[in-house]
């Protein structure tokens, strides 16, 4: 894993006037910048706003929005709301896990895909549903799912 460029993080921290009450805002902005919260940057936050590292990590781990691992290029969110659950969300997730050889919350070795099980995507009429990045795919079948994943895989290989 490569080391993150620290300059954007330092700019974000300084822009928040380095006060303890700005911790969550800083964490949100850092995650937006990097896609996750790098350990090295959490240590810098601790020193800059004078909060023990354990408290910074505790605050970050309390909220499910924060991630500590780099996500894949394509984040697949599989809806498990009631409509999707009834319509086969478990089959969708199972197929993805078998096909990509990762489980919920993991990233493929090639950093192309990350799977996330989510409570609801708000697209109940399209159940079962998943999102890949900002694109929603509904009324999924295993055949349709296979085609979508293969499309992203080919796109990822051509951009490598």
N, C-alpha and C. Protein backbone atom coordinates (compact mmCIF):
# COMPACT_ATOMS: atom_id res chain seq x y z
N UNK A 1 0.85 -1.18 0.00
CA UNK A 1 0.00 0.00 0.00
C UNK A 1 0.89 1.24 0.00
N UNK A 2 0.57 2.18 -0.83
CA UNK A 2 1.39 3.38 -0.93
C UNK A 2 1.05 4.35 0.20
N UNK A 3 2.02 5.18 0.52
CA UNK A 3 1.81 6.18 1.56
C UNK A 3 1.04 7.36 0.99
N UNK A 4 0.05 7.86 1.74
CA UNK A 4 -0.74 8.97 1.22
C UNK A 4 0.05 10.27 1.21
N UNK A 5 -0.26 11.12 0.26
CA UNK A 5 0.30 12.47 0.21
C UNK A 5 -0.29 13.23 1.41
N UNK A 6 0.54 13.74 2.28
CA UNK A 6 0.07 14.38 3.51
C UNK A 6 -0.37 15.82 3.33
N UNK A 7 0.03 16.45 2.26
CA UNK A 7 -0.26 17.88 2.08
C UNK A 7 -1.76 18.20 2.13
N UNK A 8 -2.62 17.46 1.41
CA UNK A 8 -4.05 17.77 1.50
C UNK A 8 -4.60 17.63 2.93
N UNK A 9 -4.11 16.63 3.65
CA UNK A 9 -4.57 16.43 5.03
C UNK A 9 -4.17 17.60 5.91
N UNK A 10 -2.96 18.07 5.77
CA UNK A 10 -2.49 19.20 6.58
C UNK A 10 -3.32 20.45 6.28
N UNK A 11 -3.64 20.65 5.01
CA UNK A 11 -4.47 21.79 4.62
C UNK A 11 -5.86 21.68 5.26
N UNK A 12 -6.44 20.49 5.22
CA UNK A 12 -7.77 20.28 5.82
C UNK A 12 -7.72 20.55 7.32
N UNK A 13 -6.73 20.00 7.99
CA UNK A 13 -6.63 20.18 9.45
C UNK A 13 -6.49 21.65 9.80
N UNK A 14 -5.62 22.35 9.10
CA UNK A 14 -5.41 23.77 9.38
C UNK A 14 -6.65 24.60 9.07
N UNK A 15 -7.41 24.20 8.07
CA UNK A 15 -8.61 24.97 7.69
C UNK A 15 -9.69 24.91 8.77
N UNK A 16 -9.60 23.94 9.64
CA UNK A 16 -10.58 23.79 10.72
C UNK A 16 -10.11 24.43 12.02
N UNK A 17 -9.11 25.27 11.95
CA UNK A 17 -8.59 26.00 13.12
C UNK A 17 -8.10 25.10 14.24
N UNK A 18 -7.70 23.89 13.88
CA UNK A 18 -7.13 22.90 14.80
C UNK A 18 -7.69 22.95 16.23
N UNK A 19 -8.98 22.84 16.36
CA UNK A 19 -9.60 22.79 17.68
C UNK A 19 -10.28 21.44 17.88
N UNK A 20 -10.30 20.92 19.10
CA UNK A 20 -10.87 19.60 19.36
C UNK A 20 -12.31 19.43 18.88
N UNK A 21 -13.13 20.45 18.94
CA UNK A 21 -14.52 20.35 18.52
C UNK A 21 -14.70 20.11 17.03
N UNK A 22 -13.64 20.20 16.27
CA UNK A 22 -13.74 20.03 14.82
C UNK A 22 -13.32 18.64 14.36
N UNK A 23 -13.13 17.71 15.29
CA UNK A 23 -12.61 16.39 14.94
C UNK A 23 -13.46 15.68 13.88
N UNK A 24 -14.76 15.59 14.08
CA UNK A 24 -15.61 14.85 13.14
C UNK A 24 -15.58 15.50 11.76
N UNK A 25 -15.63 16.81 11.72
CA UNK A 25 -15.57 17.52 10.44
C UNK A 25 -14.24 17.23 9.74
N UNK A 26 -13.16 17.25 10.49
CA UNK A 26 -11.85 16.94 9.91
C UNK A 26 -11.83 15.51 9.37
N UNK A 27 -12.34 14.56 10.15
CA UNK A 27 -12.36 13.17 9.71
C UNK A 27 -13.19 13.01 8.42
N UNK A 28 -14.33 13.68 8.37
CA UNK A 28 -15.17 13.61 7.17
C UNK A 28 -14.44 14.16 5.95
N UNK A 29 -13.78 15.29 6.12
CA UNK A 29 -13.07 15.90 5.00
C UNK A 29 -11.87 15.06 4.57
N UNK A 30 -11.18 14.46 5.53
CA UNK A 30 -10.04 13.59 5.22
C UNK A 30 -10.54 12.38 4.43
N UNK A 31 -11.65 11.78 4.88
CA UNK A 31 -12.17 10.62 4.16
C UNK A 31 -12.63 10.99 2.76
N UNK A 32 -13.23 12.15 2.60
CA UNK A 32 -13.64 12.60 1.27
C UNK A 32 -12.41 12.74 0.37
N UNK A 33 -11.33 13.27 0.92
CA UNK A 33 -10.10 13.48 0.15
C UNK A 33 -9.43 12.16 -0.23
N UNK A 34 -9.32 11.23 0.72
CA UNK A 34 -8.53 10.02 0.51
C UNK A 34 -9.37 8.77 0.23
N UNK A 35 -10.67 8.82 0.55
CA UNK A 35 -11.53 7.66 0.40
C UNK A 35 -11.54 6.76 1.62
N UNK A 36 -10.67 7.03 2.57
CA UNK A 36 -10.58 6.30 3.83
C UNK A 36 -9.75 7.14 4.78
N UNK A 37 -9.55 6.64 6.02
CA UNK A 37 -8.76 7.38 7.01
C UNK A 37 -7.42 6.67 7.21
N UNK A 38 -6.38 7.14 6.54
CA UNK A 38 -5.06 6.52 6.70
C UNK A 38 -4.54 6.68 8.14
N UNK A 39 -3.92 5.63 8.66
CA UNK A 39 -3.42 5.62 10.04
C UNK A 39 -2.46 6.78 10.30
N UNK A 40 -1.56 7.03 9.38
CA UNK A 40 -0.58 8.10 9.54
C UNK A 40 -1.28 9.46 9.73
N UNK A 41 -2.36 9.67 8.99
CA UNK A 41 -3.08 10.94 9.08
C UNK A 41 -3.84 11.04 10.39
N UNK A 42 -4.35 9.92 10.90
CA UNK A 42 -5.01 9.94 12.22
C UNK A 42 -4.01 10.35 13.31
N UNK A 43 -2.77 9.90 13.17
CA UNK A 43 -1.73 10.29 14.12
C UNK A 43 -1.44 11.79 14.03
N UNK A 44 -1.41 12.32 12.83
CA UNK A 44 -1.17 13.75 12.63
C UNK A 44 -2.32 14.56 13.22
N UNK A 45 -3.55 14.12 12.99
CA UNK A 45 -4.71 14.81 13.57
C UNK A 45 -4.57 14.86 15.08
N UNK A 46 -4.23 13.75 15.67
CA UNK A 46 -4.07 13.67 17.13
C UNK A 46 -3.09 14.73 17.63
N UNK A 47 -1.95 14.81 16.99
CA UNK A 47 -0.93 15.78 17.42
C UNK A 47 -1.36 17.22 17.16
N UNK A 48 -1.95 17.48 15.99
CA UNK A 48 -2.30 18.85 15.62
C UNK A 48 -3.42 19.45 16.44
N UNK A 49 -4.41 18.61 16.83
CA UNK A 49 -5.52 19.19 17.60
C UNK A 49 -5.45 18.77 19.07
N UNK A 50 -4.32 18.17 19.44
CA UNK A 50 -4.03 17.85 20.83
C UNK A 50 -5.11 16.99 21.48
N UNK A 51 -5.43 15.89 20.80
CA UNK A 51 -6.35 14.89 21.34
C UNK A 51 -5.59 13.56 21.32
N UNK A 52 -5.66 12.77 22.38
CA UNK A 52 -4.96 11.48 22.37
C UNK A 52 -5.37 10.63 21.16
N UNK A 53 -4.41 9.92 20.59
CA UNK A 53 -4.66 9.10 19.41
C UNK A 53 -5.79 8.10 19.65
N UNK A 54 -5.88 7.56 20.85
CA UNK A 54 -6.95 6.60 21.17
C UNK A 54 -8.33 7.25 21.05
N UNK A 55 -8.43 8.52 21.41
CA UNK A 55 -9.72 9.21 21.30
C UNK A 55 -10.06 9.51 19.84
N UNK A 56 -9.06 9.85 19.05
CA UNK A 56 -9.29 10.08 17.62
C UNK A 56 -9.78 8.78 16.98
N UNK A 57 -9.08 7.68 17.25
CA UNK A 57 -9.47 6.39 16.70
C UNK A 57 -10.83 5.96 17.24
N UNK A 58 -11.10 6.22 18.51
CA UNK A 58 -12.38 5.87 19.10
C UNK A 58 -13.53 6.61 18.43
N UNK A 59 -13.35 7.89 18.17
CA UNK A 59 -14.39 8.68 17.51
C UNK A 59 -14.59 8.17 16.08
N UNK A 60 -13.50 7.91 15.39
CA UNK A 60 -13.60 7.44 13.99
C UNK A 60 -14.25 6.06 13.91
N UNK A 61 -13.93 5.19 14.85
CA UNK A 61 -14.49 3.83 14.78
C UNK A 61 -15.93 3.77 15.28
N UNK A 62 -16.37 4.78 16.02
CA UNK A 62 -17.75 4.82 16.51
C UNK A 62 -18.74 4.98 15.36
N UNK A 63 -18.39 5.78 14.36
CA UNK A 63 -19.28 6.07 13.24
C UNK A 63 -19.02 5.12 12.07
N UNK A 64 -20.07 4.46 11.59
CA UNK A 64 -19.91 3.48 10.51
C UNK A 64 -19.53 4.13 9.17
N UNK A 65 -19.67 5.44 9.06
CA UNK A 65 -19.32 6.11 7.81
C UNK A 65 -17.82 6.10 7.54
N UNK A 66 -17.02 5.94 8.60
CA UNK A 66 -15.57 6.02 8.42
C UNK A 66 -14.97 4.65 8.11
N UNK A 67 -14.00 4.66 7.19
CA UNK A 67 -13.32 3.45 6.77
C UNK A 67 -11.84 3.59 7.05
N UNK A 68 -11.22 2.48 7.38
CA UNK A 68 -9.80 2.49 7.69
C UNK A 68 -8.97 1.76 6.65
N UNK A 69 -9.64 1.24 5.64
CA UNK A 69 -8.96 0.56 4.55
C UNK A 69 -9.33 1.24 3.24
N UNK A 70 -8.40 1.24 2.33
CA UNK A 70 -8.64 1.83 1.02
C UNK A 70 -9.65 0.96 0.26
N UNK A 71 -10.65 1.60 -0.33
CA UNK A 71 -11.66 0.87 -1.10
C UNK A 71 -11.17 0.62 -2.51
N UNK A 72 -11.82 -0.31 -3.17
CA UNK A 72 -11.51 -0.59 -4.56
C UNK A 72 -11.99 0.54 -5.46
N UNK A 73 -11.57 0.50 -6.69
CA UNK A 73 -11.98 1.51 -7.67
C UNK A 73 -13.49 1.52 -7.83
N UNK A 74 -14.11 0.35 -7.74
CA UNK A 74 -15.56 0.22 -7.89
C UNK A 74 -16.15 -0.32 -6.60
N UNK A 75 -16.91 0.51 -5.90
CA UNK A 75 -17.54 0.09 -4.65
C UNK A 75 -18.95 -0.39 -4.98
N UNK A 76 -19.19 -1.66 -4.67
CA UNK A 76 -20.48 -2.29 -4.95
C UNK A 76 -21.28 -2.30 -3.65
N UNK A 77 -22.39 -1.58 -3.63
CA UNK A 77 -23.28 -1.55 -2.47
C UNK A 77 -24.49 -2.42 -2.79
N UNK A 78 -24.66 -3.48 -2.02
CA UNK A 78 -25.77 -4.39 -2.23
C UNK A 78 -26.84 -4.10 -1.19
N UNK A 79 -28.03 -3.72 -1.67
CA UNK A 79 -29.14 -3.36 -0.80
C UNK A 79 -29.71 -4.61 -0.12
N UNK A 80 -29.96 -4.49 1.19
CA UNK A 80 -30.58 -5.56 1.96
C UNK A 80 -31.82 -5.06 2.69
N UNK A 81 -32.45 -4.00 2.14
CA UNK A 81 -33.72 -3.54 2.69
C UNK A 81 -34.77 -4.62 2.50
N UNK A 82 -35.94 -4.41 3.06
CA UNK A 82 -36.99 -5.43 3.03
C UNK A 82 -37.33 -5.89 1.62
N UNK A 83 -37.58 -4.97 0.71
CA UNK A 83 -37.94 -5.36 -0.66
C UNK A 83 -36.82 -6.14 -1.33
N UNK A 84 -35.60 -5.70 -1.15
CA UNK A 84 -34.46 -6.39 -1.77
C UNK A 84 -34.23 -7.75 -1.11
N UNK A 85 -34.38 -7.79 0.20
CA UNK A 85 -34.21 -9.05 0.92
C UNK A 85 -35.19 -10.10 0.38
N UNK A 86 -36.45 -9.71 0.26
CA UNK A 86 -37.49 -10.61 -0.24
C UNK A 86 -37.23 -10.99 -1.70
N UNK A 87 -36.64 -10.09 -2.46
CA UNK A 87 -36.41 -10.31 -3.89
C UNK A 87 -35.10 -10.99 -4.23
N UNK A 88 -34.32 -11.37 -3.22
CA UNK A 88 -33.11 -12.14 -3.49
C UNK A 88 -31.78 -11.46 -3.27
N UNK A 89 -31.73 -10.48 -2.38
CA UNK A 89 -30.46 -9.79 -2.10
C UNK A 89 -29.37 -10.76 -1.64
N UNK A 90 -29.75 -11.78 -0.89
CA UNK A 90 -28.75 -12.75 -0.41
C UNK A 90 -28.11 -13.50 -1.57
N UNK A 91 -28.90 -13.82 -2.59
CA UNK A 91 -28.34 -14.49 -3.77
C UNK A 91 -27.38 -13.55 -4.51
N UNK A 92 -27.76 -12.28 -4.59
CA UNK A 92 -26.91 -11.29 -5.26
C UNK A 92 -25.57 -11.18 -4.52
N UNK A 93 -25.64 -11.01 -3.21
CA UNK A 93 -24.42 -10.88 -2.42
C UNK A 93 -23.59 -12.17 -2.50
N UNK A 94 -24.25 -13.31 -2.41
CA UNK A 94 -23.54 -14.59 -2.49
C UNK A 94 -22.82 -14.76 -3.81
N UNK A 95 -23.49 -14.39 -4.90
CA UNK A 95 -22.86 -14.47 -6.22
C UNK A 95 -21.62 -13.58 -6.28
N UNK A 96 -21.78 -12.34 -5.81
CA UNK A 96 -20.64 -11.40 -5.84
C UNK A 96 -19.47 -11.93 -5.02
N UNK A 97 -19.77 -12.43 -3.83
CA UNK A 97 -18.70 -12.95 -2.98
C UNK A 97 -17.99 -14.13 -3.64
N UNK A 98 -18.76 -15.04 -4.25
CA UNK A 98 -18.16 -16.19 -4.94
C UNK A 98 -17.37 -15.76 -6.18
N UNK A 99 -17.98 -14.89 -6.96
CA UNK A 99 -17.39 -14.45 -8.23
C UNK A 99 -16.12 -13.61 -8.01
N UNK A 100 -16.17 -12.72 -7.02
CA UNK A 100 -15.03 -11.82 -6.78
C UNK A 100 -14.05 -12.37 -5.74
N UNK A 101 -14.46 -13.44 -5.05
CA UNK A 101 -13.64 -14.09 -4.03
C UNK A 101 -13.29 -13.16 -2.86
N UNK A 102 -14.28 -12.35 -2.47
CA UNK A 102 -14.17 -11.48 -1.30
C UNK A 102 -15.51 -11.52 -0.58
N UNK A 103 -15.53 -11.03 0.64
CA UNK A 103 -16.78 -10.94 1.40
C UNK A 103 -17.09 -9.49 1.71
N UNK A 104 -18.23 -9.28 2.33
CA UNK A 104 -18.68 -7.94 2.69
C UNK A 104 -17.57 -7.16 3.39
N UNK A 105 -17.30 -5.96 2.88
CA UNK A 105 -16.29 -5.09 3.47
C UNK A 105 -14.89 -5.31 2.94
N UNK A 106 -14.70 -6.30 2.10
CA UNK A 106 -13.37 -6.59 1.56
C UNK A 106 -13.18 -6.01 0.17
N UNK A 107 -11.91 -5.95 -0.23
CA UNK A 107 -11.52 -5.43 -1.54
C UNK A 107 -10.72 -6.49 -2.27
N UNK A 108 -10.96 -6.61 -3.57
CA UNK A 108 -10.21 -7.59 -4.36
C UNK A 108 -8.72 -7.24 -4.37
N UNK A 109 -7.89 -8.24 -4.57
CA UNK A 109 -6.44 -8.03 -4.57
C UNK A 109 -6.00 -7.01 -5.61
N UNK A 110 -6.72 -6.95 -6.74
CA UNK A 110 -6.36 -6.00 -7.79
C UNK A 110 -6.91 -4.60 -7.53
N UNK A 111 -7.57 -4.41 -6.38
CA UNK A 111 -8.14 -3.12 -5.96
C UNK A 111 -9.23 -2.62 -6.92
N UNK A 112 -9.85 -3.54 -7.66
CA UNK A 112 -10.87 -3.14 -8.61
C UNK A 112 -12.26 -3.08 -7.97
N UNK A 113 -12.55 -3.97 -6.99
CA UNK A 113 -13.88 -4.03 -6.39
C UNK A 113 -13.83 -4.09 -4.87
N UNK A 114 -14.80 -3.44 -4.24
CA UNK A 114 -15.08 -3.58 -2.82
C UNK A 114 -16.57 -3.85 -2.71
N UNK A 115 -16.94 -4.79 -1.86
CA UNK A 115 -18.36 -5.10 -1.63
C UNK A 115 -18.78 -4.52 -0.29
N UNK A 116 -19.95 -3.85 -0.28
CA UNK A 116 -20.53 -3.34 0.96
C UNK A 116 -22.00 -3.74 1.03
N UNK A 117 -22.38 -4.38 2.09
CA UNK A 117 -23.79 -4.69 2.35
C UNK A 117 -24.38 -3.45 3.00
N UNK A 118 -25.48 -2.91 2.45
CA UNK A 118 -26.10 -1.70 3.01
C UNK A 118 -27.55 -1.99 3.37
N UNK A 119 -28.07 -1.21 4.31
CA UNK A 119 -29.43 -1.42 4.81
C UNK A 119 -30.48 -1.09 3.76
N UNK A 120 -30.32 0.00 3.04
CA UNK A 120 -31.32 0.38 2.05
C UNK A 120 -30.73 1.42 1.10
N UNK A 121 -31.02 1.26 -0.18
CA UNK A 121 -30.60 2.24 -1.18
C UNK A 121 -31.75 3.13 -1.63
N UNK A 122 -32.95 2.85 -1.13
CA UNK A 122 -34.10 3.69 -1.45
C UNK A 122 -34.67 3.48 -2.84
N UNK A 123 -34.46 2.31 -3.40
CA UNK A 123 -34.95 2.00 -4.75
C UNK A 123 -35.83 0.76 -4.70
N UNK A 124 -36.72 0.70 -3.76
CA UNK A 124 -37.50 -0.51 -3.48
C UNK A 124 -38.25 -1.04 -4.69
N UNK A 125 -38.73 -0.18 -5.55
CA UNK A 125 -39.49 -0.64 -6.72
C UNK A 125 -38.60 -1.35 -7.74
N UNK A 126 -37.28 -1.25 -7.57
CA UNK A 126 -36.34 -1.89 -8.50
C UNK A 126 -35.69 -3.14 -7.91
N UNK A 127 -36.18 -3.60 -6.77
CA UNK A 127 -35.56 -4.71 -6.04
C UNK A 127 -35.42 -5.96 -6.90
N UNK A 128 -34.32 -6.71 -6.68
CA UNK A 128 -33.15 -6.39 -5.87
C UNK A 128 -32.23 -5.39 -6.57
N UNK A 129 -31.56 -4.57 -5.76
CA UNK A 129 -30.79 -3.44 -6.26
C UNK A 129 -29.36 -3.46 -5.73
N UNK A 130 -28.46 -2.95 -6.55
CA UNK A 130 -27.09 -2.66 -6.10
C UNK A 130 -26.66 -1.36 -6.77
N UNK A 131 -25.68 -0.73 -6.18
CA UNK A 131 -25.04 0.44 -6.79
C UNK A 131 -23.57 0.12 -6.97
N UNK A 132 -23.05 0.53 -8.09
CA UNK A 132 -21.60 0.50 -8.28
C UNK A 132 -21.20 1.94 -8.48
N UNK A 133 -20.45 2.45 -7.53
CA UNK A 133 -20.09 3.86 -7.48
C UNK A 133 -21.38 4.68 -7.46
N UNK A 134 -21.69 5.45 -8.48
CA UNK A 134 -22.90 6.27 -8.48
C UNK A 134 -23.99 5.73 -9.41
N UNK A 135 -23.81 4.53 -9.94
CA UNK A 135 -24.77 3.96 -10.88
C UNK A 135 -25.59 2.87 -10.19
N UNK A 136 -26.91 2.98 -10.33
CA UNK A 136 -27.84 2.02 -9.72
C UNK A 136 -28.22 0.95 -10.74
N UNK A 137 -28.24 -0.30 -10.30
CA UNK A 137 -28.65 -1.43 -11.13
C UNK A 137 -29.80 -2.13 -10.41
N UNK A 138 -30.96 -2.18 -11.05
CA UNK A 138 -32.13 -2.77 -10.42
C UNK A 138 -32.67 -3.96 -11.18
N UNK A 139 -33.64 -4.60 -10.52
CA UNK A 139 -34.27 -5.82 -11.05
C UNK A 139 -33.20 -6.82 -11.47
N UNK A 140 -32.24 -6.99 -10.57
CA UNK A 140 -31.08 -7.82 -10.88
C UNK A 140 -31.43 -9.30 -10.97
N UNK A 141 -30.83 -9.93 -11.93
CA UNK A 141 -30.81 -11.39 -12.04
C UNK A 141 -29.33 -11.77 -12.01
N UNK A 142 -29.04 -13.04 -11.80
CA UNK A 142 -27.63 -13.44 -11.77
C UNK A 142 -26.97 -13.22 -13.14
N UNK A 143 -27.73 -13.42 -14.22
CA UNK A 143 -27.19 -13.20 -15.56
C UNK A 143 -26.86 -11.71 -15.77
N UNK A 144 -27.79 -10.84 -15.39
CA UNK A 144 -27.56 -9.39 -15.52
C UNK A 144 -26.38 -8.96 -14.64
N UNK A 145 -26.31 -9.51 -13.45
CA UNK A 145 -25.22 -9.19 -12.52
C UNK A 145 -23.88 -9.59 -13.10
N UNK A 146 -23.81 -10.78 -13.67
CA UNK A 146 -22.57 -11.28 -14.28
C UNK A 146 -22.11 -10.33 -15.40
N UNK A 147 -23.04 -9.87 -16.22
CA UNK A 147 -22.71 -8.96 -17.33
C UNK A 147 -22.19 -7.61 -16.80
N UNK A 148 -22.84 -7.10 -15.76
CA UNK A 148 -22.41 -5.81 -15.19
C UNK A 148 -21.00 -5.93 -14.63
N UNK A 149 -20.73 -6.97 -13.86
CA UNK A 149 -19.40 -7.15 -13.25
C UNK A 149 -18.35 -7.33 -14.34
N UNK A 150 -18.66 -8.12 -15.36
CA UNK A 150 -17.70 -8.32 -16.46
C UNK A 150 -17.40 -7.00 -17.18
N UNK A 151 -18.42 -6.15 -17.33
CA UNK A 151 -18.22 -4.83 -17.95
C UNK A 151 -17.20 -4.01 -17.14
N UNK A 152 -17.40 -3.96 -15.82
CA UNK A 152 -16.48 -3.19 -14.97
C UNK A 152 -15.09 -3.82 -14.96
N UNK A 153 -15.03 -5.12 -15.01
CA UNK A 153 -13.72 -5.80 -15.03
C UNK A 153 -12.97 -5.46 -16.32
N UNK A 154 -13.66 -5.51 -17.46
CA UNK A 154 -13.03 -5.17 -18.74
C UNK A 154 -12.60 -3.71 -18.76
N UNK A 155 -13.47 -2.84 -18.23
CA UNK A 155 -13.15 -1.41 -18.16
C UNK A 155 -11.92 -1.18 -17.28
N UNK A 156 -11.83 -1.90 -16.18
CA UNK A 156 -10.69 -1.77 -15.26
C UNK A 156 -9.40 -2.27 -15.89
N UNK A 157 -9.48 -3.30 -16.69
CA UNK A 157 -8.28 -3.84 -17.35
C UNK A 157 -7.81 -2.92 -18.46
N UNK A 158 -8.75 -2.28 -19.14
CA UNK A 158 -8.36 -1.38 -20.23
C UNK A 158 -7.78 -0.07 -19.71
N UNK A 159 -8.09 0.28 -18.44
CA UNK A 159 -7.56 1.50 -17.84
C UNK A 159 -6.27 1.24 -17.05
N UNK A 160 -5.86 0.00 -16.97
CA UNK A 160 -4.67 -0.34 -16.17
C UNK A 160 -3.39 0.02 -16.86
